[in-house]
Amino acid sequence: MMKLKKSKINRIVNVALIALVCYVVVSLFVLQADISSYRRQLSSLEEQCQEQELENQELDSLVKRDSDFEYIVKMAREKLGLVFPDEHIFYDASGNQ
């Protein structure tokens, strides 16, 4: 009778251990699939980030170039008295400003 009880307990322990091992293995496969999915997502986000950085650099250079152009036009007008070909300049002959 004692041997029968030990045998039942051993079987229950073995079944519990097998179930635990199966659970751990399945959990590892699920986690591995999640990791792969997150790596693909990370790769996609990194690519988007690089594209956005390039766009930001282009826009920044555009802004700087435009502000440089405005500065150049301002200096050409003020220092050199230059105007655009289709531009008409009127001066106040009375001397009042």
N, C-alpha and C. Protein backbone atom coordinates (compact mmCIF):
# COMPACT_ATOMS: atom_id res chain seq x y z
N MET A 1 0.82 -1.19 0.00
CA MET A 1 0.00 0.00 0.00
C MET A 1 0.87 1.26 0.00
N MET A 2 1.94 1.24 0.76
CA MET A 2 2.84 2.38 0.86
C MET A 2 3.55 2.62 -0.47
N LYS A 3 3.91 1.49 -1.10
CA LYS A 3 4.58 1.59 -2.38
C LYS A 3 3.63 2.15 -3.44
N LEU A 4 2.37 1.81 -3.38
CA LEU A 4 1.37 2.29 -4.32
C LEU A 4 1.17 3.81 -4.16
N LYS A 5 1.16 4.28 -2.93
CA LYS A 5 1.02 5.73 -2.68
C LYS A 5 2.24 6.49 -3.20
N LYS A 6 3.46 5.94 -2.96
CA LYS A 6 4.67 6.59 -3.46
C LYS A 6 4.67 6.61 -4.98
N SER A 7 4.22 5.56 -5.56
CA SER A 7 4.18 5.47 -7.01
C SER A 7 3.21 6.50 -7.57
N LYS A 8 2.04 6.68 -6.94
CA LYS A 8 1.07 7.69 -7.37
C LYS A 8 1.65 9.09 -7.21
N ILE A 9 2.31 9.33 -6.11
CA ILE A 9 2.90 10.64 -5.86
C ILE A 9 3.99 10.91 -6.89
N ASN A 10 4.81 9.91 -7.18
CA ASN A 10 5.86 10.08 -8.19
C ASN A 10 5.27 10.39 -9.56
N ARG A 11 4.20 9.74 -9.92
CA ARG A 11 3.54 10.01 -11.19
C ARG A 11 2.99 11.42 -11.24
N ILE A 12 2.36 11.83 -10.15
CA ILE A 12 1.80 13.19 -10.09
C ILE A 12 2.92 14.22 -10.19
N VAL A 13 4.02 13.98 -9.50
CA VAL A 13 5.17 14.89 -9.56
C VAL A 13 5.74 14.90 -10.98
N ASN A 14 5.86 13.73 -11.58
CA ASN A 14 6.39 13.66 -12.95
C ASN A 14 5.48 14.39 -13.93
N VAL A 15 4.17 14.18 -13.82
CA VAL A 15 3.22 14.86 -14.70
C VAL A 15 3.30 16.37 -14.48
N ALA A 16 3.42 16.80 -13.23
CA ALA A 16 3.52 18.22 -12.92
C ALA A 16 4.80 18.80 -13.51
N LEU A 17 5.89 18.08 -13.40
CA LEU A 17 7.16 18.55 -13.97
C LEU A 17 7.10 18.63 -15.49
N ILE A 18 6.50 17.62 -16.11
CA ILE A 18 6.36 17.62 -17.57
C ILE A 18 5.49 18.79 -18.01
N ALA A 19 4.39 19.04 -17.27
CA ALA A 19 3.51 20.16 -17.60
C ALA A 19 4.27 21.48 -17.44
N LEU A 20 5.06 21.59 -16.39
CA LEU A 20 5.84 22.81 -16.15
C LEU A 20 6.86 23.03 -17.27
N VAL A 21 7.55 21.96 -17.66
CA VAL A 21 8.53 22.06 -18.74
C VAL A 21 7.84 22.46 -20.05
N CYS A 22 6.70 21.86 -20.34
CA CYS A 22 5.95 22.21 -21.55
C CYS A 22 5.53 23.67 -21.53
N TYR A 23 5.07 24.14 -20.38
CA TYR A 23 4.66 25.54 -20.25
C TYR A 23 5.85 26.47 -20.50
N VAL A 24 6.99 26.13 -19.91
CA VAL A 24 8.19 26.96 -20.09
C VAL A 24 8.62 26.98 -21.56
N VAL A 25 8.60 25.83 -22.22
CA VAL A 25 9.01 25.75 -23.63
C VAL A 25 8.06 26.58 -24.49
N VAL A 26 6.76 26.42 -24.28
CA VAL A 26 5.79 27.20 -25.06
C VAL A 26 5.97 28.69 -24.79
N SER A 27 6.19 29.05 -23.54
CA SER A 27 6.40 30.46 -23.18
C SER A 27 7.64 31.01 -23.88
N LEU A 28 8.69 30.21 -23.96
CA LEU A 28 9.91 30.66 -24.64
C LEU A 28 9.66 30.90 -26.13
N PHE A 29 8.89 30.01 -26.77
CA PHE A 29 8.57 30.21 -28.19
C PHE A 29 7.74 31.47 -28.39
N VAL A 30 6.79 31.71 -27.51
CA VAL A 30 5.95 32.91 -27.61
C VAL A 30 6.81 34.16 -27.41
N LEU A 31 7.69 34.12 -26.42
CA LEU A 31 8.56 35.26 -26.17
C LEU A 31 9.50 35.50 -27.35
N GLN A 32 10.01 34.43 -27.94
CA GLN A 32 10.88 34.57 -29.10
C GLN A 32 10.14 35.21 -30.26
N ALA A 33 8.90 34.82 -30.46
CA ALA A 33 8.08 35.42 -31.53
C ALA A 33 7.84 36.91 -31.23
N ASP A 34 7.57 37.24 -29.98
CA ASP A 34 7.38 38.64 -29.60
C ASP A 34 8.66 39.45 -29.84
N ILE A 35 9.80 38.88 -29.47
CA ILE A 35 11.08 39.56 -29.66
C ILE A 35 11.32 39.82 -31.15
N SER A 36 11.05 38.84 -31.98
CA SER A 36 11.22 39.02 -33.43
C SER A 36 10.31 40.13 -33.95
N SER A 37 9.08 40.14 -33.49
CA SER A 37 8.13 41.18 -33.90
C SER A 37 8.62 42.56 -33.47
N TYR A 38 9.09 42.67 -32.23
CA TYR A 38 9.58 43.95 -31.73
C TYR A 38 10.84 44.39 -32.46
N ARG A 39 11.69 43.45 -32.85
CA ARG A 39 12.90 43.81 -33.61
C ARG A 39 12.52 44.37 -34.98
N ARG A 40 11.54 43.73 -35.63
CA ARG A 40 11.08 44.26 -36.93
C ARG A 40 10.49 45.65 -36.76
N GLN A 41 9.71 45.83 -35.71
CA GLN A 41 9.10 47.14 -35.44
C GLN A 41 10.19 48.17 -35.16
N LEU A 42 11.21 47.79 -34.39
CA LEU A 42 12.31 48.70 -34.08
C LEU A 42 13.06 49.08 -35.35
N SER A 43 13.30 48.12 -36.20
CA SER A 43 13.99 48.39 -37.46
C SER A 43 13.19 49.38 -38.31
N SER A 44 11.90 49.17 -38.38
CA SER A 44 11.03 50.07 -39.14
C SER A 44 11.06 51.49 -38.56
N LEU A 45 11.00 51.57 -37.24
CA LEU A 45 11.01 52.89 -36.58
C LEU A 45 12.36 53.58 -36.77
N GLU A 46 13.45 52.82 -36.72
CA GLU A 46 14.77 53.40 -36.93
C GLU A 46 14.89 53.95 -38.36
N GLU A 47 14.33 53.22 -39.32
CA GLU A 47 14.35 53.68 -40.71
C GLU A 47 13.54 54.97 -40.85
N GLN A 48 12.36 55.01 -40.23
CA GLN A 48 11.54 56.22 -40.26
C GLN A 48 12.28 57.39 -39.62
N CYS A 49 12.98 57.10 -38.53
CA CYS A 49 13.73 58.14 -37.82
C CYS A 49 14.83 58.70 -38.72
N GLN A 50 15.55 57.83 -39.42
CA GLN A 50 16.60 58.29 -40.33
C GLN A 50 16.01 59.15 -41.46
N GLU A 51 14.89 58.71 -42.01
CA GLU A 51 14.24 59.49 -43.07
C GLU A 51 13.81 60.85 -42.54
N GLN A 52 13.27 60.88 -41.32
CA GLN A 52 12.84 62.15 -40.73
C GLN A 52 14.03 63.05 -40.47
N GLU A 53 15.15 62.49 -40.03
CA GLU A 53 16.34 63.30 -39.79
C GLU A 53 16.85 63.91 -41.10
N LEU A 54 16.83 63.13 -42.17
CA LEU A 54 17.23 63.67 -43.47
C LEU A 54 16.31 64.81 -43.91
N GLU A 55 15.02 64.59 -43.74
CA GLU A 55 14.06 65.64 -44.10
C GLU A 55 14.28 66.88 -43.25
N ASN A 56 14.54 66.69 -41.96
CA ASN A 56 14.80 67.83 -41.07
C ASN A 56 16.04 68.60 -41.51
N GLN A 57 17.09 67.87 -41.91
CA GLN A 57 18.31 68.53 -42.38
C GLN A 57 18.04 69.33 -43.65
N GLU A 58 17.27 68.75 -44.56
CA GLU A 58 16.94 69.46 -45.79
C GLU A 58 16.14 70.73 -45.49
N LEU A 59 15.16 70.61 -44.60
CA LEU A 59 14.35 71.77 -44.25
C LEU A 59 15.19 72.83 -43.53
N ASP A 60 16.10 72.39 -42.68
CA ASP A 60 16.97 73.31 -41.96
C ASP A 60 17.86 74.08 -42.94
N SER A 61 18.42 73.35 -43.90
CA SER A 61 19.26 74.03 -44.88
C SER A 61 18.43 74.99 -45.74
N LEU A 62 17.20 74.61 -46.04
CA LEU A 62 16.30 75.49 -46.79
C LEU A 62 16.03 76.77 -46.01
N VAL A 63 15.76 76.63 -44.73
CA VAL A 63 15.49 77.79 -43.88
C VAL A 63 16.72 78.68 -43.82
N LYS A 64 17.88 78.07 -43.63
CA LYS A 64 19.11 78.86 -43.55
C LYS A 64 19.40 79.54 -44.88
N ARG A 65 19.20 78.84 -45.96
CA ARG A 65 19.46 79.41 -47.27
C ARG A 65 18.52 80.59 -47.53
N ASP A 66 17.23 80.43 -47.19
CA ASP A 66 16.28 81.52 -47.39
C ASP A 66 16.64 82.72 -46.53
N SER A 67 17.02 82.48 -45.29
CA SER A 67 17.37 83.60 -44.44
C SER A 67 18.66 84.24 -44.93
N ASP A 68 19.58 83.47 -45.47
CA ASP A 68 20.79 84.03 -46.05
C ASP A 68 20.44 84.89 -47.27
N PHE A 69 19.51 84.42 -48.08
CA PHE A 69 19.09 85.17 -49.26
C PHE A 69 18.48 86.50 -48.83
N GLU A 70 17.63 86.46 -47.83
CA GLU A 70 17.01 87.69 -47.34
C GLU A 70 18.08 88.65 -46.81
N TYR A 71 19.03 88.12 -46.10
CA TYR A 71 20.12 88.95 -45.58
C TYR A 71 20.92 89.56 -46.72
N ILE A 72 21.20 88.77 -47.75
CA ILE A 72 21.95 89.26 -48.90
C ILE A 72 21.17 90.37 -49.61
N VAL A 73 19.89 90.17 -49.81
CA VAL A 73 19.06 91.20 -50.45
C VAL A 73 19.05 92.47 -49.62
N LYS A 74 18.91 92.33 -48.32
CA LYS A 74 18.87 93.48 -47.43
C LYS A 74 20.19 94.26 -47.50
N MET A 75 21.29 93.55 -47.44
CA MET A 75 22.60 94.21 -47.51
C MET A 75 22.82 94.86 -48.89
N ALA A 76 22.37 94.18 -49.95
CA ALA A 76 22.52 94.74 -51.30
C ALA A 76 21.72 96.03 -51.43
N ARG A 77 20.57 96.07 -50.82
CA ARG A 77 19.74 97.28 -50.87
C ARG A 77 20.36 98.40 -50.04
N GLU A 78 20.71 98.06 -48.77
CA GLU A 78 21.17 99.09 -47.85
C GLU A 78 22.59 99.58 -48.16
N LYS A 79 23.50 98.68 -48.39
CA LYS A 79 24.90 99.06 -48.55
C LYS A 79 25.25 99.47 -49.98
N LEU A 80 24.65 98.78 -50.96
CA LEU A 80 25.04 99.02 -52.35
C LEU A 80 23.98 99.76 -53.15
N GLY A 81 22.79 99.87 -52.59
CA GLY A 81 21.72 100.57 -53.29
C GLY A 81 21.18 99.80 -54.48
N LEU A 82 21.33 98.49 -54.49
CA LEU A 82 20.87 97.67 -55.61
C LEU A 82 19.37 97.37 -55.49
N VAL A 83 18.74 97.14 -56.64
CA VAL A 83 17.33 96.77 -56.68
C VAL A 83 17.14 95.67 -57.71
N PHE A 84 16.00 95.02 -57.68
CA PHE A 84 15.68 94.01 -58.68
C PHE A 84 15.32 94.71 -60.00
N PRO A 85 15.51 94.04 -61.13
CA PRO A 85 15.27 94.68 -62.43
C PRO A 85 13.84 95.18 -62.62
N ASP A 86 12.86 94.49 -62.11
CA ASP A 86 11.47 94.90 -62.31
C ASP A 86 10.94 95.75 -61.15
N GLU A 87 11.82 96.18 -60.29
CA GLU A 87 11.42 96.95 -59.11
C GLU A 87 11.53 98.45 -59.39
N HIS A 88 10.56 99.22 -58.92
CA HIS A 88 10.58 100.67 -59.08
C HIS A 88 10.78 101.30 -57.70
N ILE A 89 11.73 102.21 -57.62
CA ILE A 89 12.03 102.88 -56.36
C ILE A 89 11.60 104.34 -56.48
N PHE A 90 10.89 104.82 -55.48
CA PHE A 90 10.47 106.21 -55.44
C PHE A 90 11.15 106.89 -54.26
N TYR A 91 11.70 108.04 -54.50
CA TYR A 91 12.37 108.80 -53.46
C TYR A 91 11.53 110.02 -53.10
N ASP A 92 11.57 110.35 -51.85
CA ASP A 92 10.86 111.54 -51.36
C ASP A 92 11.77 112.74 -51.60
N ALA A 93 11.42 113.56 -52.57
CA ALA A 93 12.26 114.70 -52.95
C ALA A 93 12.18 115.84 -51.93
N SER A 94 11.15 115.85 -51.09
CA SER A 94 10.99 116.94 -50.15
C SER A 94 11.95 116.82 -48.97
N GLY A 95 12.55 115.64 -48.79
CA GLY A 95 13.48 115.46 -47.69
C GLY A 95 12.82 115.03 -46.40
N ASN A 96 11.48 114.98 -46.38
CA ASN A 96 10.77 114.50 -45.19
C ASN A 96 10.70 112.98 -45.23
N GLN A 97 10.92 112.42 -44.09
CA GLN A 97 10.87 110.96 -44.03
C GLN A 97 9.73 110.48 -43.20
